[in-house]
C-alpha cells in the first residue's frame, strides 16, 4: 500500500473531524461565539451552556458522526475502489484495519485541534464515541456501561469520560483480538490518551475536589 493512501486518509479524516459543528450552530442560531461561554469549548456540553439544549444534542450527534463516517467510508471502500484493481485485491484486511485506526486518530485530532479555529477545539468525547463505535462496537458497549455507572454513582461526567477513554483500548484488545495488531493498538491508545490529555484540567479539579457535578449549578 502506497504512502499516498495513508496521507489521503489522514488528511481527509483530519479535515472531516475538524468541522466545528458546535461553533457553527451557535453562531448561526444565536449570533454568539460558543467559545465565550463556560469553558470556551466547542463541544456539546459547552453548547448546552448557551441555553440551547436542542443545539447541544445536534452538536453531540454531528460530532459523533464526524468520527464515525471516515471509518465507515474506509470499510465501504475496502470492498470496492480501494481494495480492487485489475489484478484483484490491493489491500489486505490488516491494511484496512490500519487505515481505519489512522482515520480514527486523525478525526479525533481534527476535532481537538481544528485548523479553522487556530487549533483550539473540543475534548473529543463525542467524536471518540463515533470512532469507537465504528472500530469496535462490542468494546463500546463495555465502556458505555462503565461510563453510565461512574456518572450515576459520582455525578462526574468528566470522570466517566476519562475512565471510559482509558478502558477502551483494554476492551478492544480482549474483545477484538483479531483486529488488535500492534500498530492498530498504538493508534487506538493514542486516541484514548488524547482524550485524557484534553481532560487534564478536569483531572486537576477532580483531585482538588472542586469539579462540577452533573445536574449541579456551576459555582
N, C-alpha and C. Protein backbone atom coordinates (compact mmCIF):
# COMPACT_ATOMS: atom_id res chain seq x y z
N UNK A 1 0.86 -1.19 0.00
CA UNK A 1 0.00 0.00 0.00
C UNK A 1 0.90 1.24 0.00
N UNK A 2 0.59 2.19 -0.87
CA UNK A 2 1.45 3.36 -1.04
C UNK A 2 1.27 4.35 0.10
N UNK A 3 2.30 5.16 0.30
CA UNK A 3 2.26 6.19 1.33
C UNK A 3 1.19 7.22 1.02
N UNK A 4 0.90 7.41 -0.27
CA UNK A 4 -0.12 8.39 -0.66
C UNK A 4 -1.50 8.00 -0.13
N UNK A 5 -1.75 6.70 0.00
CA UNK A 5 -3.04 6.25 0.54
C UNK A 5 -3.16 6.65 2.01
N UNK A 6 -2.09 6.45 2.76
CA UNK A 6 -2.09 6.85 4.17
C UNK A 6 -2.28 8.37 4.30
N UNK A 7 -1.57 9.12 3.47
CA UNK A 7 -1.66 10.58 3.54
C UNK A 7 -3.06 11.05 3.19
N UNK A 8 -3.66 10.46 2.15
CA UNK A 8 -5.01 10.84 1.73
C UNK A 8 -6.01 10.59 2.85
N UNK A 9 -5.94 9.39 3.44
CA UNK A 9 -6.85 9.04 4.53
C UNK A 9 -6.64 9.97 5.72
N UNK A 10 -5.39 10.25 6.05
CA UNK A 10 -5.09 11.11 7.20
C UNK A 10 -5.63 12.52 7.00
N UNK A 11 -5.40 13.10 5.83
CA UNK A 11 -5.82 14.47 5.57
C UNK A 11 -7.34 14.59 5.53
N UNK A 12 -8.00 13.68 4.81
CA UNK A 12 -9.46 13.73 4.71
C UNK A 12 -10.10 13.53 6.09
N UNK A 13 -9.59 12.59 6.86
CA UNK A 13 -10.15 12.32 8.20
C UNK A 13 -9.95 13.51 9.12
N UNK A 14 -8.76 14.12 9.05
CA UNK A 14 -8.49 15.31 9.87
C UNK A 14 -9.46 16.44 9.51
N UNK A 15 -9.62 16.72 8.22
CA UNK A 15 -10.50 17.80 7.78
C UNK A 15 -11.95 17.53 8.16
N UNK A 16 -12.36 16.28 8.04
CA UNK A 16 -13.72 15.92 8.43
C UNK A 16 -13.92 16.13 9.93
N UNK A 17 -12.94 15.68 10.70
CA UNK A 17 -13.03 15.82 12.15
C UNK A 17 -12.92 17.26 12.62
N UNK A 18 -12.32 18.11 11.80
CA UNK A 18 -12.08 19.49 12.21
C UNK A 18 -13.28 20.41 12.00
N UNK A 19 -14.37 19.90 11.41
CA UNK A 19 -15.56 20.74 11.22
C UNK A 19 -16.12 21.11 12.59
N UNK A 20 -16.11 22.38 12.97
CA UNK A 20 -16.53 22.79 14.33
C UNK A 20 -18.04 22.99 14.42
N UNK A 21 -18.77 21.89 14.47
CA UNK A 21 -20.23 21.96 14.42
C UNK A 21 -20.81 22.80 15.55
N UNK A 22 -20.28 22.66 16.77
CA UNK A 22 -20.78 23.44 17.89
C UNK A 22 -20.63 24.93 17.64
N UNK A 23 -19.47 25.34 17.17
CA UNK A 23 -19.22 26.75 16.87
C UNK A 23 -20.15 27.24 15.77
N UNK A 24 -20.29 26.45 14.70
CA UNK A 24 -21.12 26.85 13.56
C UNK A 24 -22.58 26.98 13.96
N UNK A 25 -23.11 26.00 14.68
CA UNK A 25 -24.53 26.01 15.04
C UNK A 25 -24.87 27.18 15.96
N UNK A 26 -24.02 27.41 16.96
CA UNK A 26 -24.29 28.52 17.88
C UNK A 26 -24.19 29.85 17.15
N UNK A 27 -23.21 29.98 16.28
CA UNK A 27 -23.06 31.22 15.50
C UNK A 27 -24.27 31.45 14.60
N UNK A 28 -24.76 30.38 13.95
CA UNK A 28 -25.89 30.51 13.03
C UNK A 28 -27.19 30.85 13.74
N UNK A 29 -27.44 30.19 14.88
CA UNK A 29 -28.75 30.31 15.53
C UNK A 29 -28.82 31.36 16.63
N UNK A 30 -27.67 31.77 17.15
CA UNK A 30 -27.70 32.77 18.22
C UNK A 30 -26.87 34.01 17.90
N UNK A 31 -25.98 33.89 16.92
CA UNK A 31 -25.11 35.01 16.59
C UNK A 31 -23.95 35.20 17.53
N UNK A 32 -23.82 34.33 18.53
CA UNK A 32 -22.75 34.46 19.52
C UNK A 32 -21.66 33.42 19.26
N UNK A 33 -20.58 33.56 19.98
CA UNK A 33 -19.44 32.65 19.86
C UNK A 33 -19.46 31.70 21.07
N UNK A 34 -19.62 30.41 20.83
CA UNK A 34 -19.71 29.45 21.92
C UNK A 34 -18.45 29.46 22.78
N UNK A 35 -17.35 29.91 22.22
CA UNK A 35 -16.10 29.94 22.97
C UNK A 35 -16.10 31.01 24.06
N UNK A 36 -17.09 31.91 24.01
CA UNK A 36 -17.22 32.92 25.06
C UNK A 36 -18.03 32.40 26.25
N UNK A 37 -18.54 31.17 26.13
CA UNK A 37 -19.35 30.57 27.18
C UNK A 37 -18.51 29.61 28.03
N UNK A 38 -18.82 29.53 29.30
CA UNK A 38 -18.27 28.49 30.18
C UNK A 38 -16.81 28.21 30.00
N UNK A 39 -16.51 26.98 29.56
CA UNK A 39 -15.13 26.52 29.43
C UNK A 39 -14.45 27.02 28.17
N UNK A 40 -15.22 27.63 27.25
CA UNK A 40 -14.64 28.06 25.98
C UNK A 40 -14.52 26.94 24.98
N UNK A 41 -15.08 25.78 25.32
CA UNK A 41 -15.03 24.59 24.48
C UNK A 41 -16.05 24.69 23.35
N UNK A 42 -15.84 23.95 22.26
CA UNK A 42 -16.80 23.96 21.15
C UNK A 42 -17.69 22.72 21.15
N UNK A 43 -17.59 21.90 22.19
CA UNK A 43 -18.35 20.66 22.25
C UNK A 43 -19.77 20.84 22.76
N UNK A 44 -20.51 19.73 22.79
CA UNK A 44 -21.94 19.76 23.14
C UNK A 44 -22.19 20.28 24.55
N UNK A 45 -21.33 19.93 25.50
CA UNK A 45 -21.54 20.37 26.88
C UNK A 45 -21.52 21.88 26.98
N UNK A 46 -20.57 22.50 26.31
CA UNK A 46 -20.49 23.96 26.36
C UNK A 46 -21.60 24.60 25.53
N UNK A 47 -22.01 23.96 24.45
CA UNK A 47 -23.14 24.46 23.66
C UNK A 47 -24.39 24.51 24.54
N UNK A 48 -24.55 23.51 25.41
CA UNK A 48 -25.71 23.47 26.30
C UNK A 48 -25.72 24.67 27.25
N UNK A 49 -24.54 25.20 27.56
CA UNK A 49 -24.46 26.35 28.47
C UNK A 49 -25.01 27.63 27.83
N UNK A 50 -25.23 27.61 26.52
CA UNK A 50 -25.84 28.77 25.87
C UNK A 50 -27.35 28.79 26.10
N UNK A 51 -27.87 27.70 26.69
CA UNK A 51 -29.30 27.61 26.92
C UNK A 51 -30.04 26.94 25.79
N UNK A 52 -29.32 26.55 24.76
CA UNK A 52 -29.95 25.89 23.61
C UNK A 52 -29.68 24.38 23.69
N UNK A 53 -30.51 23.67 24.43
CA UNK A 53 -30.31 22.23 24.62
C UNK A 53 -30.45 21.47 23.30
N UNK A 54 -31.36 21.96 22.43
CA UNK A 54 -31.53 21.32 21.14
C UNK A 54 -30.26 21.39 20.30
N UNK A 55 -29.61 22.55 20.31
CA UNK A 55 -28.35 22.69 19.58
C UNK A 55 -27.27 21.79 20.18
N UNK A 56 -27.30 21.63 21.49
CA UNK A 56 -26.32 20.76 22.14
C UNK A 56 -26.49 19.31 21.70
N UNK A 57 -27.73 18.86 21.60
CA UNK A 57 -27.99 17.49 21.17
C UNK A 57 -27.55 17.29 19.72
N UNK A 58 -27.86 18.27 18.87
CA UNK A 58 -27.45 18.18 17.47
C UNK A 58 -25.93 18.18 17.35
N UNK A 59 -25.28 19.02 18.16
CA UNK A 59 -23.82 19.06 18.16
C UNK A 59 -23.24 17.72 18.57
N UNK A 60 -23.81 17.13 19.61
CA UNK A 60 -23.35 15.81 20.06
C UNK A 60 -23.43 14.78 18.95
N UNK A 61 -24.56 14.75 18.25
CA UNK A 61 -24.77 13.78 17.17
C UNK A 61 -23.81 14.02 16.01
N UNK A 62 -23.66 15.29 15.62
CA UNK A 62 -22.79 15.60 14.48
C UNK A 62 -21.32 15.35 14.82
N UNK A 63 -20.92 15.67 16.05
CA UNK A 63 -19.53 15.41 16.46
C UNK A 63 -19.24 13.91 16.48
N UNK A 64 -20.22 13.12 16.88
CA UNK A 64 -20.04 11.66 16.84
C UNK A 64 -19.96 11.16 15.40
N UNK A 65 -20.82 11.70 14.55
CA UNK A 65 -20.84 11.27 13.14
C UNK A 65 -19.54 11.60 12.42
N UNK A 66 -18.93 12.73 12.76
CA UNK A 66 -17.70 13.08 12.04
C UNK A 66 -16.53 12.17 12.45
N UNK A 67 -16.69 11.45 13.55
CA UNK A 67 -15.72 10.42 13.89
C UNK A 67 -16.07 9.09 13.25
N UNK A 68 -17.37 8.83 13.15
CA UNK A 68 -17.85 7.55 12.61
C UNK A 68 -17.70 7.46 11.09
N UNK A 69 -18.05 8.53 10.38
CA UNK A 69 -18.16 8.47 8.92
C UNK A 69 -16.84 8.15 8.20
N UNK A 70 -15.71 8.77 8.55
CA UNK A 70 -14.47 8.43 7.83
C UNK A 70 -14.12 6.94 7.91
N UNK A 71 -14.33 6.35 9.08
CA UNK A 71 -14.03 4.92 9.25
C UNK A 71 -15.03 4.07 8.49
N UNK A 72 -16.28 4.45 8.55
CA UNK A 72 -17.33 3.74 7.80
C UNK A 72 -17.02 3.75 6.30
N UNK A 73 -16.60 4.90 5.79
CA UNK A 73 -16.29 5.01 4.36
C UNK A 73 -15.10 4.15 3.97
N UNK A 74 -14.12 4.06 4.87
CA UNK A 74 -12.97 3.19 4.59
C UNK A 74 -13.41 1.74 4.49
N UNK A 75 -14.26 1.30 5.42
CA UNK A 75 -14.75 -0.08 5.38
C UNK A 75 -15.57 -0.34 4.11
N UNK A 76 -16.35 0.66 3.70
CA UNK A 76 -17.13 0.51 2.46
C UNK A 76 -16.21 0.47 1.25
N UNK A 77 -15.22 1.36 1.24
CA UNK A 77 -14.30 1.42 0.11
C UNK A 77 -13.43 0.16 0.04
N UNK A 78 -13.24 -0.50 1.17
CA UNK A 78 -12.40 -1.70 1.20
C UNK A 78 -12.98 -2.82 0.34
N UNK A 79 -14.26 -2.78 0.05
CA UNK A 79 -14.88 -3.80 -0.79
C UNK A 79 -15.14 -3.29 -2.20
N UNK A 80 -14.62 -2.09 -2.50
CA UNK A 80 -14.84 -1.55 -3.84
C UNK A 80 -13.57 -0.89 -4.38
N UNK A 81 -13.56 0.46 -4.37
CA UNK A 81 -12.47 1.15 -5.05
C UNK A 81 -11.09 0.93 -4.45
N UNK A 82 -10.96 1.00 -3.14
CA UNK A 82 -9.64 0.84 -2.54
C UNK A 82 -9.10 -0.57 -2.72
N UNK A 83 -9.96 -1.56 -2.60
CA UNK A 83 -9.47 -2.93 -2.49
C UNK A 83 -9.37 -3.67 -3.81
N UNK A 84 -10.00 -3.17 -4.86
CA UNK A 84 -9.97 -3.90 -6.12
C UNK A 84 -9.23 -3.15 -7.22
N UNK A 85 -8.50 -3.88 -7.98
CA UNK A 85 -7.81 -3.34 -9.13
C UNK A 85 -7.79 -4.39 -10.22
N UNK A 86 -7.06 -4.15 -11.30
CA UNK A 86 -7.01 -5.11 -12.41
C UNK A 86 -6.52 -6.49 -11.98
N UNK A 87 -5.69 -6.53 -10.96
CA UNK A 87 -5.13 -7.82 -10.51
C UNK A 87 -5.84 -8.40 -9.31
N UNK A 88 -6.93 -7.79 -8.89
CA UNK A 88 -7.65 -8.30 -7.73
C UNK A 88 -7.53 -7.38 -6.54
N UNK A 89 -7.47 -7.95 -5.33
CA UNK A 89 -7.44 -7.14 -4.11
C UNK A 89 -6.08 -6.46 -3.93
N UNK A 90 -6.14 -5.17 -3.63
CA UNK A 90 -4.93 -4.39 -3.43
C UNK A 90 -4.61 -4.22 -1.95
N UNK A 91 -5.62 -4.30 -1.11
CA UNK A 91 -5.43 -4.13 0.32
C UNK A 91 -5.81 -5.39 1.07
N UNK A 92 -5.03 -5.72 2.08
CA UNK A 92 -5.37 -6.84 2.93
C UNK A 92 -6.32 -6.36 4.04
N UNK A 93 -6.88 -7.31 4.78
CA UNK A 93 -7.73 -6.95 5.92
C UNK A 93 -6.93 -6.14 6.94
N UNK A 94 -5.66 -6.49 7.09
CA UNK A 94 -4.80 -5.75 8.01
C UNK A 94 -4.60 -4.31 7.56
N UNK A 95 -4.45 -4.11 6.25
CA UNK A 95 -4.32 -2.76 5.71
C UNK A 95 -5.55 -1.92 6.05
N UNK A 96 -6.71 -2.52 5.88
CA UNK A 96 -7.97 -1.80 6.12
C UNK A 96 -8.10 -1.44 7.60
N UNK A 97 -7.74 -2.36 8.48
CA UNK A 97 -7.80 -2.09 9.92
C UNK A 97 -6.85 -0.94 10.29
N UNK A 98 -5.66 -0.94 9.68
CA UNK A 98 -4.69 0.10 9.96
C UNK A 98 -5.18 1.45 9.46
N UNK A 99 -5.76 1.47 8.26
CA UNK A 99 -6.30 2.72 7.72
C UNK A 99 -7.45 3.24 8.58
N UNK A 100 -8.29 2.32 9.07
CA UNK A 100 -9.41 2.73 9.92
C UNK A 100 -8.90 3.34 11.23
N UNK A 101 -7.86 2.73 11.81
CA UNK A 101 -7.28 3.27 13.05
C UNK A 101 -6.63 4.63 12.80
N UNK A 102 -5.98 4.77 11.64
CA UNK A 102 -5.38 6.06 11.28
C UNK A 102 -6.46 7.12 11.12
N UNK A 103 -7.56 6.76 10.47
CA UNK A 103 -8.68 7.69 10.30
C UNK A 103 -9.24 8.11 11.65
N UNK A 104 -9.34 7.16 12.57
CA UNK A 104 -9.83 7.47 13.92
C UNK A 104 -8.93 8.50 14.61
N UNK A 105 -7.63 8.27 14.56
CA UNK A 105 -6.68 9.17 15.22
C UNK A 105 -6.73 10.56 14.60
N UNK A 106 -6.81 10.63 13.27
CA UNK A 106 -6.80 11.93 12.60
C UNK A 106 -8.11 12.68 12.77
N UNK A 107 -9.24 11.96 12.80
CA UNK A 107 -10.53 12.61 13.03
C UNK A 107 -10.58 13.22 14.43
N UNK A 108 -10.10 12.48 15.42
CA UNK A 108 -10.04 12.99 16.79
C UNK A 108 -9.11 14.22 16.87
N UNK A 109 -7.97 14.12 16.22
CA UNK A 109 -7.02 15.24 16.22
C UNK A 109 -7.65 16.47 15.57
N UNK A 110 -8.40 16.25 14.48
CA UNK A 110 -9.07 17.36 13.82
C UNK A 110 -10.07 18.05 14.72
N UNK A 111 -10.82 17.26 15.50
CA UNK A 111 -11.80 17.85 16.41
C UNK A 111 -11.12 18.64 17.53
N UNK A 112 -10.05 18.08 18.06
CA UNK A 112 -9.36 18.73 19.18
C UNK A 112 -8.54 19.93 18.75
N UNK A 113 -7.97 19.85 17.53
CA UNK A 113 -7.09 20.91 17.04
C UNK A 113 -7.49 21.33 15.63
N UNK A 114 -8.67 21.96 15.48
CA UNK A 114 -9.15 22.33 14.15
C UNK A 114 -8.38 23.52 13.57
N UNK A 115 -7.95 23.39 12.35
CA UNK A 115 -7.19 24.45 11.70
C UNK A 115 -8.01 25.72 11.57
N UNK A 116 -9.33 25.57 11.46
CA UNK A 116 -10.22 26.71 11.26
C UNK A 116 -10.34 27.60 12.50
N UNK A 117 -10.07 27.06 13.67
CA UNK A 117 -10.22 27.82 14.92
C UNK A 117 -8.89 27.96 15.65
N UNK A 118 -7.82 28.13 14.88
CA UNK A 118 -6.47 28.30 15.44
C UNK A 118 -6.08 27.12 16.34
N UNK A 119 -6.54 25.93 15.93
CA UNK A 119 -6.17 24.68 16.59
C UNK A 119 -6.68 24.58 18.03
N UNK A 120 -7.77 25.29 18.33
CA UNK A 120 -8.39 25.21 19.66
C UNK A 120 -9.78 24.62 19.51
N UNK A 121 -9.92 23.34 19.83
CA UNK A 121 -11.19 22.65 19.62
C UNK A 121 -11.76 22.04 20.88
N UNK A 122 -12.43 20.88 20.72
CA UNK A 122 -13.11 20.24 21.82
C UNK A 122 -12.27 19.17 22.50
N UNK A 123 -12.91 18.44 23.41
CA UNK A 123 -12.21 17.43 24.19
C UNK A 123 -12.29 16.04 23.57
N UNK A 124 -13.12 15.87 22.56
CA UNK A 124 -13.09 14.64 21.78
C UNK A 124 -13.95 13.50 22.26
N UNK A 125 -14.80 13.71 23.28
CA UNK A 125 -15.58 12.60 23.81
C UNK A 125 -16.60 12.10 22.78
N UNK A 126 -17.39 13.02 22.21
CA UNK A 126 -18.41 12.62 21.24
C UNK A 126 -17.77 12.05 19.97
N UNK A 127 -16.73 12.72 19.48
CA UNK A 127 -16.04 12.22 18.30
C UNK A 127 -15.37 10.89 18.59
N UNK A 128 -14.82 10.77 19.81
CA UNK A 128 -14.24 9.49 20.23
C UNK A 128 -15.27 8.38 20.25
N UNK A 129 -16.48 8.70 20.72
CA UNK A 129 -17.55 7.71 20.71
C UNK A 129 -17.84 7.25 19.29
N UNK A 130 -17.87 8.21 18.37
CA UNK A 130 -18.13 7.87 16.97
C UNK A 130 -17.08 6.94 16.38
N UNK A 131 -15.81 7.23 16.64
CA UNK A 131 -14.76 6.37 16.07
C UNK A 131 -14.74 5.02 16.76
N UNK A 132 -15.03 4.99 18.07
CA UNK A 132 -15.03 3.72 18.78
C UNK A 132 -16.17 2.82 18.29
N UNK A 133 -17.34 3.42 18.05
CA UNK A 133 -18.46 2.63 17.53
C UNK A 133 -18.12 2.04 16.17
N UNK A 134 -17.46 2.83 15.34
CA UNK A 134 -17.09 2.36 14.00
C UNK A 134 -16.02 1.28 14.05
N UNK A 135 -15.11 1.38 15.02
CA UNK A 135 -14.00 0.43 15.10
C UNK A 135 -14.37 -0.86 15.82
N UNK A 136 -15.06 -0.74 16.94
CA UNK A 136 -15.31 -1.92 17.79
C UNK A 136 -16.57 -1.72 18.63
N UNK A 137 -17.74 -1.96 18.05
CA UNK A 137 -18.99 -1.74 18.78
C UNK A 137 -19.12 -2.57 20.06
N UNK A 138 -18.55 -3.77 20.08
CA UNK A 138 -18.65 -4.59 21.29
C UNK A 138 -17.90 -3.94 22.45
N UNK A 139 -16.73 -3.40 22.16
CA UNK A 139 -15.95 -2.73 23.20
C UNK A 139 -16.66 -1.48 23.69
N UNK A 140 -17.37 -0.80 22.78
CA UNK A 140 -18.11 0.41 23.14
C UNK A 140 -19.19 0.11 24.17
N UNK A 141 -19.86 -1.02 24.02
CA UNK A 141 -20.89 -1.40 24.98
C UNK A 141 -20.32 -1.51 26.39
N UNK A 142 -19.12 -2.06 26.49
CA UNK A 142 -18.47 -2.21 27.80
C UNK A 142 -18.15 -0.84 28.40
N UNK A 143 -17.51 0.03 27.60
CA UNK A 143 -17.09 1.32 28.15
C UNK A 143 -18.29 2.23 28.43
N UNK A 144 -19.35 2.10 27.63
CA UNK A 144 -20.56 2.88 27.89
C UNK A 144 -21.19 2.47 29.22
N UNK A 145 -21.21 1.16 29.47
CA UNK A 145 -21.76 0.68 30.74
C UNK A 145 -20.95 1.22 31.91
N UNK A 146 -19.63 1.21 31.78
CA UNK A 146 -18.76 1.74 32.84
C UNK A 146 -19.00 3.24 33.01
N UNK A 147 -19.11 3.96 31.89
CA UNK A 147 -19.37 5.40 31.94
C UNK A 147 -20.66 5.70 32.70
N UNK A 148 -21.73 4.99 32.35
CA UNK A 148 -23.02 5.23 32.99
C UNK A 148 -22.96 4.96 34.49
N UNK A 149 -22.31 3.87 34.88
CA UNK A 149 -22.21 3.52 36.30
C UNK A 149 -21.43 4.58 37.06
N UNK A 150 -20.29 5.02 36.49
CA UNK A 150 -19.46 6.02 37.18
C UNK A 150 -20.22 7.34 37.34
N UNK A 151 -20.88 7.78 36.27
CA UNK A 151 -21.62 9.05 36.34
C UNK A 151 -22.80 8.92 37.31
N UNK A 152 -23.47 7.77 37.29
CA UNK A 152 -24.61 7.57 38.20
C UNK A 152 -24.17 7.60 39.66
N UNK A 153 -22.99 7.05 39.95
CA UNK A 153 -22.52 6.99 41.34
C UNK A 153 -21.89 8.31 41.78
N UNK A 154 -21.05 8.89 40.92
CA UNK A 154 -20.28 10.07 41.33
C UNK A 154 -20.85 11.39 40.83
N UNK A 155 -21.65 11.33 39.76
CA UNK A 155 -22.20 12.51 39.07
C UNK A 155 -21.11 13.36 38.43
N UNK A 156 -19.93 12.75 38.21
CA UNK A 156 -18.85 13.43 37.50
C UNK A 156 -18.80 12.90 36.06
N UNK A 157 -19.30 13.70 35.12
CA UNK A 157 -19.26 13.29 33.71
C UNK A 157 -17.81 13.18 33.23
N UNK A 158 -16.97 14.12 33.68
CA UNK A 158 -15.57 14.12 33.27
C UNK A 158 -14.86 12.83 33.72
N UNK A 159 -15.14 12.39 34.94
CA UNK A 159 -14.52 11.17 35.44
C UNK A 159 -14.97 9.96 34.62
N UNK A 160 -16.27 9.91 34.31
CA UNK A 160 -16.77 8.82 33.48
C UNK A 160 -16.11 8.82 32.11
N UNK A 161 -15.93 10.01 31.52
CA UNK A 161 -15.31 10.13 30.20
C UNK A 161 -13.85 9.68 30.24
N UNK A 162 -13.13 10.09 31.27
CA UNK A 162 -11.72 9.74 31.39
C UNK A 162 -11.53 8.24 31.55
N UNK A 163 -12.30 7.64 32.46
CA UNK A 163 -12.17 6.20 32.70
C UNK A 163 -12.59 5.41 31.46
N UNK A 164 -13.67 5.85 30.80
CA UNK A 164 -14.13 5.16 29.60
C UNK A 164 -13.08 5.21 28.50
N UNK A 165 -12.44 6.38 28.33
CA UNK A 165 -11.39 6.52 27.31
C UNK A 165 -10.20 5.61 27.62
N UNK A 166 -9.82 5.53 28.89
CA UNK A 166 -8.70 4.68 29.27
C UNK A 166 -9.03 3.19 29.12
N UNK A 167 -10.30 2.85 29.33
CA UNK A 167 -10.71 1.46 29.28
C UNK A 167 -10.87 0.92 27.86
N UNK A 168 -11.13 1.81 26.91
CA UNK A 168 -11.43 1.32 25.56
C UNK A 168 -10.32 0.47 24.95
N UNK A 169 -9.04 0.89 24.98
CA UNK A 169 -8.00 0.04 24.39
C UNK A 169 -7.96 -1.36 25.01
N UNK A 170 -8.19 -1.43 26.32
CA UNK A 170 -8.19 -2.74 27.00
C UNK A 170 -9.36 -3.59 26.51
N UNK A 171 -10.55 -3.00 26.45
CA UNK A 171 -11.73 -3.73 25.97
C UNK A 171 -11.55 -4.14 24.52
N UNK A 172 -11.00 -3.23 23.73
CA UNK A 172 -10.74 -3.53 22.32
C UNK A 172 -9.82 -4.73 22.17
N UNK A 173 -8.76 -4.75 22.98
CA UNK A 173 -7.78 -5.83 22.90
C UNK A 173 -8.40 -7.18 23.22
N UNK A 174 -9.22 -7.24 24.26
CA UNK A 174 -9.78 -8.52 24.69
C UNK A 174 -11.00 -8.95 23.87
N UNK A 175 -11.74 -8.01 23.32
CA UNK A 175 -12.96 -8.36 22.60
C UNK A 175 -12.78 -8.44 21.08
N UNK A 176 -11.68 -7.85 20.57
CA UNK A 176 -11.42 -7.86 19.13
C UNK A 176 -9.97 -8.23 18.87
N UNK A 177 -9.57 -9.38 19.39
CA UNK A 177 -8.17 -9.79 19.31
C UNK A 177 -7.64 -9.82 17.87
N UNK A 178 -8.49 -10.22 16.92
CA UNK A 178 -8.05 -10.34 15.54
C UNK A 178 -7.64 -8.98 14.97
N UNK A 179 -8.34 -7.93 15.39
CA UNK A 179 -8.04 -6.59 14.88
C UNK A 179 -6.94 -5.89 15.66
N UNK A 180 -6.67 -6.37 16.87
CA UNK A 180 -5.77 -5.66 17.78
C UNK A 180 -4.30 -5.94 17.49
N UNK A 181 -3.86 -5.59 16.28
CA UNK A 181 -2.44 -5.71 15.93
C UNK A 181 -1.67 -4.58 16.62
N UNK A 182 -0.36 -4.74 16.81
CA UNK A 182 0.40 -3.69 17.49
C UNK A 182 0.24 -2.28 16.90
N UNK A 183 0.31 -2.10 15.56
CA UNK A 183 0.13 -0.74 15.02
C UNK A 183 -1.26 -0.18 15.30
N UNK A 184 -2.29 -1.03 15.18
CA UNK A 184 -3.66 -0.57 15.46
C UNK A 184 -3.81 -0.22 16.93
N UNK A 185 -3.26 -1.06 17.81
CA UNK A 185 -3.34 -0.78 19.24
C UNK A 185 -2.64 0.52 19.61
N UNK A 186 -1.53 0.81 18.93
CA UNK A 186 -0.82 2.06 19.20
C UNK A 186 -1.70 3.26 18.85
N UNK A 187 -2.39 3.19 17.72
CA UNK A 187 -3.24 4.32 17.31
C UNK A 187 -4.47 4.44 18.19
N UNK A 188 -5.07 3.31 18.56
CA UNK A 188 -6.23 3.34 19.45
C UNK A 188 -5.84 3.90 20.81
N UNK A 189 -4.67 3.49 21.30
CA UNK A 189 -4.19 4.01 22.58
C UNK A 189 -3.90 5.50 22.49
N UNK A 190 -3.39 5.95 21.34
CA UNK A 190 -3.12 7.37 21.14
C UNK A 190 -4.42 8.17 21.18
N UNK A 191 -5.49 7.63 20.59
CA UNK A 191 -6.80 8.29 20.64
C UNK A 191 -7.25 8.46 22.09
N UNK A 192 -7.14 7.39 22.86
CA UNK A 192 -7.56 7.44 24.27
C UNK A 192 -6.71 8.42 25.07
N UNK A 193 -5.41 8.42 24.84
CA UNK A 193 -4.52 9.32 25.57
C UNK A 193 -4.82 10.78 25.23
N UNK A 194 -5.16 11.05 23.97
CA UNK A 194 -5.52 12.41 23.57
C UNK A 194 -6.76 12.89 24.33
N UNK A 195 -7.75 12.00 24.45
CA UNK A 195 -8.97 12.37 25.17
C UNK A 195 -8.65 12.65 26.64
N UNK A 196 -7.83 11.80 27.25
CA UNK A 196 -7.44 12.01 28.65
C UNK A 196 -6.65 13.31 28.79
N UNK A 197 -5.72 13.56 27.87
CA UNK A 197 -4.92 14.78 27.91
C UNK A 197 -5.80 16.02 27.83
N UNK A 198 -6.83 15.98 27.00
CA UNK A 198 -7.74 17.12 26.86
C UNK A 198 -8.56 17.35 28.13
N UNK A 199 -8.61 16.35 29.00
CA UNK A 199 -9.33 16.47 30.27
C UNK A 199 -8.39 16.77 31.44
N UNK A 200 -7.19 17.22 31.16
CA UNK A 200 -6.20 17.41 32.23
C UNK A 200 -6.67 18.45 33.26
N UNK A 201 -7.37 19.49 32.81
CA UNK A 201 -7.87 20.48 33.77
C UNK A 201 -8.96 19.87 34.64
N UNK A 202 -9.80 19.02 34.03
CA UNK A 202 -10.82 18.32 34.82
C UNK A 202 -10.18 17.41 35.85
N UNK A 203 -9.07 16.75 35.46
CA UNK A 203 -8.37 15.87 36.39
C UNK A 203 -7.86 16.68 37.58
N UNK A 204 -7.32 17.87 37.30
CA UNK A 204 -6.86 18.73 38.38
C UNK A 204 -7.98 19.12 39.32
N UNK A 205 -9.16 19.43 38.75
CA UNK A 205 -10.30 19.80 39.59
C UNK A 205 -10.83 18.60 40.38
N UNK A 206 -10.79 17.42 39.76
CA UNK A 206 -11.22 16.21 40.47
C UNK A 206 -10.32 15.94 41.67
N UNK A 207 -9.01 16.08 41.49
CA UNK A 207 -8.06 15.86 42.57
C UNK A 207 -8.26 16.90 43.68
N UNK A 208 -8.55 18.14 43.25
CA UNK A 208 -8.75 19.22 44.22
C UNK A 208 -10.12 19.17 44.89
N UNK A 209 -11.04 18.37 44.30
CA UNK A 209 -12.37 18.23 44.88
C UNK A 209 -13.34 19.33 44.51
N UNK A 210 -13.03 20.09 43.45
CA UNK A 210 -13.94 21.17 43.06
C UNK A 210 -14.46 21.04 41.63
N UNK A 211 -14.46 19.83 41.10
CA UNK A 211 -15.05 19.58 39.78
C UNK A 211 -16.56 19.68 39.89
N UNK A 212 -17.20 20.25 38.86
CA UNK A 212 -18.64 20.39 38.85
C UNK A 212 -19.31 19.04 38.61
N UNK A 213 -20.37 18.78 39.36
CA UNK A 213 -21.10 17.54 39.21
C UNK A 213 -22.28 17.71 38.26
N UNK A 214 -22.64 16.61 37.61
CA UNK A 214 -23.76 16.61 36.68
C UNK A 214 -25.04 16.98 37.40
N UNK A 215 -25.74 17.99 36.86
CA UNK A 215 -27.00 18.40 37.44
C UNK A 215 -26.87 19.47 38.51
N UNK A 216 -25.62 19.75 38.91
CA UNK A 216 -25.42 20.79 39.93
C UNK A 216 -25.17 22.13 39.26
N UNK A 217 -25.56 23.21 39.92
CA UNK A 217 -25.31 24.54 39.39
C UNK A 217 -23.83 24.85 39.50
N UNK A 218 -23.32 25.44 38.41
CA UNK A 218 -21.89 25.75 38.38
C UNK A 218 -21.59 26.91 39.32
N UNK A 219 -20.57 26.73 40.16
CA UNK A 219 -20.20 27.77 41.12
C UNK A 219 -19.05 28.62 40.59
